[in-house]
Protein backbone atom coordinates (compact mmCIF):
# COMPACT_ATOMS: atom_id res chain seq x y z
CA MET A 1 2.62 -25.08 5.86
CA ARG A 2 1.98 -23.88 2.30
CA GLY A 3 3.56 -20.67 1.04
CA VAL A 4 4.50 -18.77 -2.10
CA VAL A 5 8.10 -18.76 -3.32
CA MET A 6 9.37 -16.86 -6.37
CA TYR A 7 12.27 -18.84 -7.82
CA THR A 8 13.17 -16.45 -10.61
CA ALA A 9 11.36 -13.75 -12.59
CA GLY A 10 7.99 -15.11 -13.68
CA ASP A 11 8.44 -18.41 -11.82
CA VAL A 12 6.04 -18.42 -8.87
CA ARG A 13 5.34 -21.61 -6.95
CA VAL A 14 3.26 -22.65 -3.95
CA GLU A 15 5.12 -25.22 -1.93
CA GLU A 16 5.72 -26.62 1.53
CA ARG A 17 7.60 -24.27 3.83
CA GLU A 18 8.72 -24.78 7.38
CA ASP A 19 6.21 -23.68 10.00
CA PRO A 20 7.35 -20.47 11.73
CA LYS A 21 8.49 -20.62 15.34
CA ILE A 22 9.10 -18.06 18.05
CA ILE A 23 12.75 -17.00 17.83
CA GLU A 24 12.86 -13.77 19.84
CA PRO A 25 10.75 -12.99 22.93
CA THR A 26 9.21 -10.07 21.00
CA ASP A 27 7.88 -12.34 18.20
CA ALA A 28 4.32 -13.39 17.47
CA ILE A 29 3.08 -16.25 15.29
CA VAL A 30 0.02 -15.29 13.26
CA LYS A 31 -2.26 -17.80 11.56
CA LEU A 32 -3.22 -15.84 8.48
CA THR A 33 -6.85 -15.39 7.51
CA ALA A 34 -6.15 -13.63 4.20
CA THR A 35 -3.23 -12.27 2.23
CA CYS A 36 -2.79 -10.75 -1.21
CA ILE A 37 -0.53 -9.84 -4.12
CA CYS A 38 0.86 -6.32 -4.27
CA GLY A 39 1.72 -4.25 -7.32
CA SER A 40 5.26 -4.06 -5.94
CA ASP A 41 5.45 -7.87 -6.16
CA LEU A 42 5.41 -7.40 -9.94
CA TRP A 43 8.84 -5.75 -9.91
CA PRO A 44 10.66 -9.05 -9.22
CA TYR A 45 8.06 -10.95 -11.26
CA ARG A 46 9.03 -8.83 -14.28
CA GLY A 47 12.75 -9.16 -13.62
CA ILE A 48 13.26 -5.54 -12.60
CA GLU A 49 14.14 -6.43 -9.01
CA PRO A 50 16.46 -9.36 -8.16
CA VAL A 51 14.76 -12.53 -6.94
CA ASP A 52 16.09 -15.97 -6.01
CA HIS A 53 13.84 -18.45 -4.20
CA THR A 54 12.31 -15.48 -2.37
CA LEU A 55 9.50 -15.85 0.17
CA MET A 56 6.73 -13.62 -1.16
CA GLY A 57 4.05 -11.48 0.46
CA HIS A 58 3.97 -8.58 2.88
CA GLU A 59 0.27 -7.85 3.45
CA TYR A 60 -1.57 -9.84 6.07
CA VAL A 61 -4.34 -10.18 8.62
CA GLY A 62 -5.03 -13.08 10.92
CA VAL A 63 -5.33 -14.52 14.40
CA VAL A 64 -2.45 -14.54 16.85
CA GLU A 65 -1.53 -18.14 17.61
CA GLU A 66 1.45 -17.70 19.93
CA VAL A 67 3.49 -14.84 21.40
CA GLY A 68 6.95 -14.48 22.89
CA ALA A 69 7.47 -13.79 26.58
CA GLU A 70 7.93 -10.02 26.11
CA VAL A 71 4.89 -9.33 23.92
CA LYS A 72 2.36 -7.19 25.77
CA THR A 73 -0.10 -5.55 23.35
CA VAL A 74 -1.45 -8.62 21.54
CA LYS A 75 -2.31 -12.10 22.80
CA PRO A 76 -3.33 -15.46 21.37
CA GLY A 77 -6.81 -15.26 19.89
CA ASP A 78 -6.56 -11.59 18.89
CA PHE A 79 -7.37 -10.71 15.30
CA VAL A 80 -4.59 -8.43 14.07
CA VAL A 81 -3.58 -6.24 11.15
CA GLY A 82 0.12 -5.72 10.59
CA SER A 83 2.24 -3.23 8.72
CA PHE A 84 4.37 -4.38 5.80
CA VAL A 85 7.43 -2.99 7.61
CA ILE A 86 8.50 -4.34 11.00
CA SER A 87 9.03 -1.56 13.56
CA ASP A 88 9.49 -1.23 17.31
CA ASN A 89 7.24 1.88 17.36
CA THR A 90 9.35 3.29 20.20
CA CYS A 91 12.56 4.66 18.65
CA GLU A 92 12.90 8.38 17.92
CA ILE A 93 12.12 7.92 14.23
CA CYS A 94 9.00 5.85 14.99
CA GLN A 95 7.85 8.42 17.52
CA ALA A 96 8.21 11.08 14.83
CA GLY A 97 5.74 9.07 12.72
CA PHE A 98 8.10 7.35 10.29
CA GLN A 99 7.90 3.73 11.42
CA SER A 100 8.96 2.50 7.99
CA LYS A 101 12.40 4.00 8.77
CA CYS A 102 12.57 2.52 12.29
CA VAL A 103 16.09 1.79 13.51
CA HIS A 104 15.01 -1.87 13.51
CA ALA A 105 13.03 -1.70 10.26
CA GLU A 106 12.71 -4.93 8.30
CA PHE A 107 10.52 -5.51 5.27
CA VAL A 108 8.05 -8.34 5.73
CA HIS A 109 8.64 -9.84 2.27
CA ALA A 110 11.70 -11.99 1.56
CA GLY A 111 12.68 -12.93 5.12
CA ILE A 112 9.14 -13.56 6.36
CA GLY A 113 6.77 -13.84 3.39
CA THR A 114 3.08 -13.59 4.25
CA GLN A 115 1.65 -15.25 1.16
CA ALA A 116 1.47 -18.30 3.37
CA GLU A 117 -0.66 -20.01 5.99
CA LYS A 118 1.30 -18.61 8.94
CA ALA A 119 3.94 -15.96 9.62
CA ARG A 120 6.38 -15.04 12.35
CA ILE A 121 6.10 -11.30 12.99
CA PRO A 122 9.09 -9.79 14.83
CA LEU A 123 8.58 -6.82 17.18
CA ALA A 124 4.93 -7.73 17.47
CA ASP A 125 4.09 -4.90 19.88
CA GLY A 126 5.35 -2.30 17.43
CA THR A 127 4.05 -3.89 14.23
CA LEU A 128 0.67 -5.51 14.94
CA VAL A 129 -2.58 -3.79 15.89
CA ALA A 130 -5.51 -5.79 17.27
CA THR A 131 -9.01 -5.10 16.00
CA PRO A 132 -11.77 -4.28 18.52
CA GLY A 133 -13.03 -7.88 18.26
CA GLN A 134 -13.36 -10.72 15.78
CA PRO A 135 -14.35 -9.15 12.46
CA ASP A 136 -17.27 -10.23 10.34
CA PRO A 137 -16.07 -12.01 7.19
CA GLU A 138 -17.12 -9.12 4.96
CA LEU A 139 -14.70 -6.79 6.79
CA ILE A 140 -11.64 -8.94 6.19
CA PRO A 141 -10.79 -7.62 2.68
CA ALA A 142 -11.00 -4.05 3.96
CA LEU A 143 -8.79 -4.83 6.96
CA LEU A 144 -6.31 -6.57 4.67
CA ALA A 145 -6.13 -3.44 2.50
CA ALA A 146 -5.11 -1.47 5.60
CA SER A 147 -1.92 -3.57 5.88
CA ASP A 148 -0.38 -1.80 2.89
CA VAL A 149 -2.33 -0.22 0.03
CA LEU A 150 -4.78 1.74 2.14
CA GLY A 151 -2.05 2.85 4.55
CA THR A 152 0.22 3.71 1.63
CA GLY A 153 -2.44 5.67 -0.23
CA TRP A 154 -3.35 7.44 3.02
CA TYR A 155 0.28 8.37 3.66
CA ALA A 156 0.59 9.67 0.10
CA ALA A 157 -2.45 11.90 0.56
CA VAL A 158 -1.16 13.14 3.93
CA ALA A 159 2.29 13.77 2.44
CA ALA A 160 0.61 15.75 -0.34
CA GLU A 161 -1.30 17.69 2.35
CA ALA A 162 -4.70 16.83 0.92
CA GLY A 163 -7.41 18.58 2.86
CA PRO A 164 -10.32 21.04 2.83
CA GLY A 165 -10.24 23.52 -0.02
CA LYS A 166 -7.55 21.56 -1.86
CA THR A 167 -7.52 20.13 -5.37
CA VAL A 168 -5.81 16.72 -5.34
CA ALA A 169 -4.50 14.96 -8.45
CA VAL A 170 -3.66 11.26 -8.26
CA VAL A 171 -1.24 9.80 -10.80
CA GLY A 172 -1.88 6.06 -10.98
CA ASP A 173 -5.09 4.04 -10.96
CA GLY A 174 -3.75 0.89 -9.33
CA ALA A 175 -4.72 -0.14 -5.83
CA VAL A 176 -2.57 2.50 -4.10
CA GLY A 177 -3.78 5.28 -6.38
CA LEU A 178 -7.40 4.32 -5.73
CA MET A 179 -6.73 4.28 -1.99
CA ALA A 180 -5.18 7.75 -2.28
CA VAL A 181 -8.45 8.92 -3.83
CA LEU A 182 -10.34 7.42 -0.86
CA ALA A 183 -7.93 9.08 1.57
CA ALA A 184 -8.15 12.48 -0.12
CA LYS A 185 -11.94 12.30 0.18
CA GLN A 186 -11.77 11.37 3.86
CA LEU A 187 -9.28 14.17 4.50
CA GLY A 188 -11.79 16.64 3.09
CA ALA A 189 -10.38 17.52 -0.33
CA GLU A 190 -12.66 19.72 -2.38
CA ARG A 191 -11.74 18.30 -5.77
CA ILE A 192 -10.07 15.00 -6.62
CA ILE A 193 -8.70 14.33 -10.10
CA ALA A 194 -7.95 10.69 -10.89
CA MET A 195 -5.67 9.96 -13.82
CA SER A 196 -6.92 6.75 -15.42
CA ARG A 197 -7.61 5.17 -18.80
CA HIS A 198 -9.38 2.09 -17.50
CA PRO A 199 -13.21 2.24 -17.30
CA GLU A 200 -13.54 -0.14 -14.33
CA ARG A 201 -10.87 1.70 -12.35
CA GLN A 202 -12.44 5.04 -13.27
CA LYS A 203 -15.73 3.77 -11.89
CA LEU A 204 -14.08 2.71 -8.62
CA ALA A 205 -12.20 6.02 -8.40
CA ARG A 206 -15.51 7.88 -8.64
CA TYR A 207 -16.99 5.60 -5.99
CA TYR A 208 -14.11 6.54 -3.68
CA GLY A 209 -14.55 10.26 -4.30
CA ALA A 210 -12.96 11.33 -7.60
CA THR A 211 -14.71 14.36 -9.08
CA ASP A 212 -12.79 14.40 -12.37
CA ILE A 213 -11.05 11.85 -14.60
CA VAL A 214 -8.04 12.69 -16.78
CA GLU A 215 -7.14 10.08 -19.41
CA GLU A 216 -4.21 11.94 -20.98
CA ARG A 217 -0.62 11.10 -20.05
CA GLY A 218 2.70 12.91 -20.05
CA GLU A 219 2.75 16.55 -21.12
CA GLU A 220 -0.87 16.31 -22.28
CA SER A 221 -1.97 15.29 -18.79
CA ILE A 222 -0.04 18.18 -17.21
CA ALA A 223 -1.74 20.59 -19.59
CA LYS A 224 -5.14 19.08 -18.73
CA ILE A 225 -4.52 19.40 -14.98
CA ARG A 226 -3.52 23.02 -15.41
CA GLU A 227 -6.59 23.65 -17.56
CA LEU A 228 -8.78 22.24 -14.78
CA THR A 229 -7.06 24.38 -12.14
CA GLY A 230 -7.05 27.80 -13.72
CA GLY A 231 -3.55 27.35 -15.09
CA LEU A 232 -1.99 26.82 -11.64
CA GLY A 233 -1.77 23.04 -11.16
CA ALA A 234 -3.09 20.98 -8.25
CA HIS A 235 -2.41 21.91 -4.63
CA SER A 236 -1.71 18.26 -3.81
CA VAL A 237 -0.43 15.52 -6.10
CA VAL A 238 0.03 11.83 -5.38
CA GLU A 239 2.47 9.76 -7.46
CA ALA A 240 1.52 6.09 -7.14
CA VAL A 241 3.21 4.41 -10.12
CA GLY A 242 6.98 4.82 -10.01
CA THR A 243 7.94 5.27 -13.66
CA GLN A 244 9.91 8.12 -15.22
CA GLU A 245 6.83 9.38 -17.03
CA SER A 246 4.51 9.18 -14.04
CA PHE A 247 6.95 10.92 -11.68
CA MET A 248 7.63 13.82 -14.03
CA GLN A 249 3.92 14.00 -14.76
CA ALA A 250 3.32 14.39 -11.02
CA VAL A 251 5.99 17.08 -10.69
CA GLY A 252 4.49 19.00 -13.61
CA ALA A 253 0.95 18.75 -12.26
CA THR A 254 1.89 20.28 -8.89
CA ARG A 255 1.44 24.04 -8.58
CA GLY A 256 4.24 26.23 -7.31
CA GLY A 257 4.39 25.85 -3.54
CA GLY A 258 2.21 22.73 -3.75
CA HIS A 259 2.89 19.32 -2.23
CA LEU A 260 3.82 16.07 -3.96
CA GLY A 261 3.48 12.78 -2.09
CA TYR A 262 5.28 9.96 -3.89
CA VAL A 263 4.82 6.31 -3.01
CA GLY A 264 5.35 4.54 -6.34
CA VAL A 265 8.43 2.30 -6.12
CA ASN A 266 10.59 4.31 -8.51
CA TYR A 267 13.17 2.04 -10.12
CA ASP A 268 15.31 3.82 -12.71
CA VAL A 269 13.57 7.17 -12.26
CA GLN A 270 15.98 10.01 -13.02
CA ILE A 271 14.78 13.40 -11.79
CA PRO A 272 16.39 16.36 -13.59
CA GLY A 273 17.63 18.51 -10.72
CA ILE A 274 17.06 21.77 -12.56
CA GLN A 275 13.44 20.81 -13.33
CA LEU A 276 12.73 19.95 -9.71
CA PHE A 277 14.51 23.12 -8.56
CA PHE A 278 12.39 25.41 -10.70
CA ALA A 279 9.17 23.52 -9.90
CA GLY A 280 9.33 25.06 -6.44
CA ILE A 281 7.33 22.32 -4.73
CA HIS A 282 7.38 20.33 -1.49
CA THR A 283 8.09 16.60 -1.84
CA LEU A 284 7.68 13.77 0.66
CA GLY A 285 7.41 10.06 0.09
CA GLY A 286 9.04 6.66 0.25
CA PRO A 287 7.90 3.47 2.01
CA ALA A 288 4.74 4.37 3.89
CA PRO A 289 4.77 4.36 7.71
CA VAL A 290 1.55 2.34 7.72
CA ARG A 291 1.85 1.62 11.46
CA ARG A 292 1.27 5.34 12.16
CA PHE A 293 -2.19 5.17 10.60
CA LEU A 294 -3.33 1.63 11.45
CA PRO A 295 -5.36 2.40 14.61
CA GLU A 296 -7.33 5.14 12.84
CA LEU A 297 -7.82 3.14 9.65
CA ILE A 298 -8.95 0.01 11.51
CA GLN A 299 -11.54 2.05 13.40
CA LEU A 300 -12.85 3.67 10.19
CA ILE A 301 -13.23 0.22 8.65
CA TRP A 302 -14.75 -1.25 11.82
CA ASP A 303 -17.33 1.56 11.91
CA LYS A 304 -18.01 0.94 8.19
CA LYS A 305 -17.16 4.51 7.28
CA ILE A 306 -14.83 3.35 4.49
CA ASP A 307 -14.64 0.18 2.40
CA PRO A 308 -11.17 -0.16 0.89
CA GLY A 309 -11.85 -3.87 0.31
CA LYS A 310 -13.54 -3.06 -3.01
CA VAL A 311 -10.07 -2.62 -4.48
CA PHE A 312 -9.77 -6.44 -4.62
CA ASP A 313 -11.28 -7.48 -7.94
CA LEU A 314 -10.06 -11.07 -8.05
CA THR A 315 -10.12 -13.64 -5.25
CA LEU A 316 -8.22 -16.91 -5.52
CA PRO A 317 -7.13 -19.64 -3.11
CA LEU A 318 -3.47 -19.52 -2.06
CA GLU A 319 -2.71 -22.52 -4.29
CA GLN A 320 -3.61 -20.43 -7.35
CA ALA A 321 -1.21 -17.59 -6.49
CA PRO A 322 0.74 -18.04 -9.77
CA GLU A 323 -2.45 -17.28 -11.70
CA GLY A 324 -2.97 -14.21 -9.50
CA TYR A 325 0.48 -12.90 -10.40
CA LYS A 326 -0.22 -13.47 -14.07
CA ALA A 327 -3.57 -11.69 -13.88
CA MET A 328 -2.03 -8.62 -12.26
CA ASP A 329 0.93 -8.61 -14.63
CA GLU A 330 -1.48 -8.66 -17.59
CA ARG A 331 -3.66 -5.97 -15.95
CA ARG A 332 -6.65 -8.32 -15.84
CA ALA A 333 -6.83 -7.63 -12.11
CA THR A 334 -6.14 -4.53 -10.04
CA LYS A 335 -5.40 -6.46 -6.85
CA VAL A 336 -5.68 -10.16 -6.01
CA LEU A 337 -6.85 -11.44 -2.62
CA LEU A 338 -5.61 -14.89 -1.63
CA THR A 339 -7.80 -16.98 0.65
CA LEU A 340 -6.45 -19.48 3.15
């Protein structure tokens, strides 16, 4: 089969890979219908995260082709959406709603790599969720978004306790930030402030429910958020970037006693303990337990109540994945969908 391999930083290739096979009785083989490039894939692409002939991709939807003897919840022919973290969905941590920290957790990238024609998904019962039927083609981008960016943005909004009567500020206008805007709207937030300098992303943020746009950054953005909130700061803040500036911006924008949900992959972020101490805020984040939300998100998409698929602004065939990486790295694309 064909699949994406990152040799070194900036060196992305599409080449022949061995077809996946059932190894454990809890495995499933999925013939992928669509996959995509994630903002987090840019960390190794830019040399910030180590990479060496790494199998790329962790977002995926497709049709089950084969299952191991112990798989019970999905069967060949089912169309499925999977989380970007493998989980058994039965351990104590999974049952508490944190499947991304499952005792058997395994990230789908590197060892599996779903920027490919097929993938072996371990612990299929705990990781894959079947859709109510075979989706119409126009639903596939939205279902693909649920595999990571929608689930991650949703988790960030839940972690920030977005809800009725709340003002939510979202730091980051990439795919996850835009999905956090969508989630905050669905969760009933009264006011949603999107921090963005990009006209096209601002337009999409407003489509998903943003009521205000803040273009300032750093201390200026914190001052603007406080100005918009009577000097108090936002009740709920989502951090969806992962840089030093964005994280401290998020801390500063959160009112005392407020909630910060952070899902940006924060390499080299140093949080001054005294600043966090005196902020007096709740914080919750990390890799999103997408599996917790998948059934609900799939149903919302199936019923056409939300359309997260609009976050894909460039579609390319799998063979052109290197161009997709380049487009995202140069910010010519927010998120790239790869067709198979």
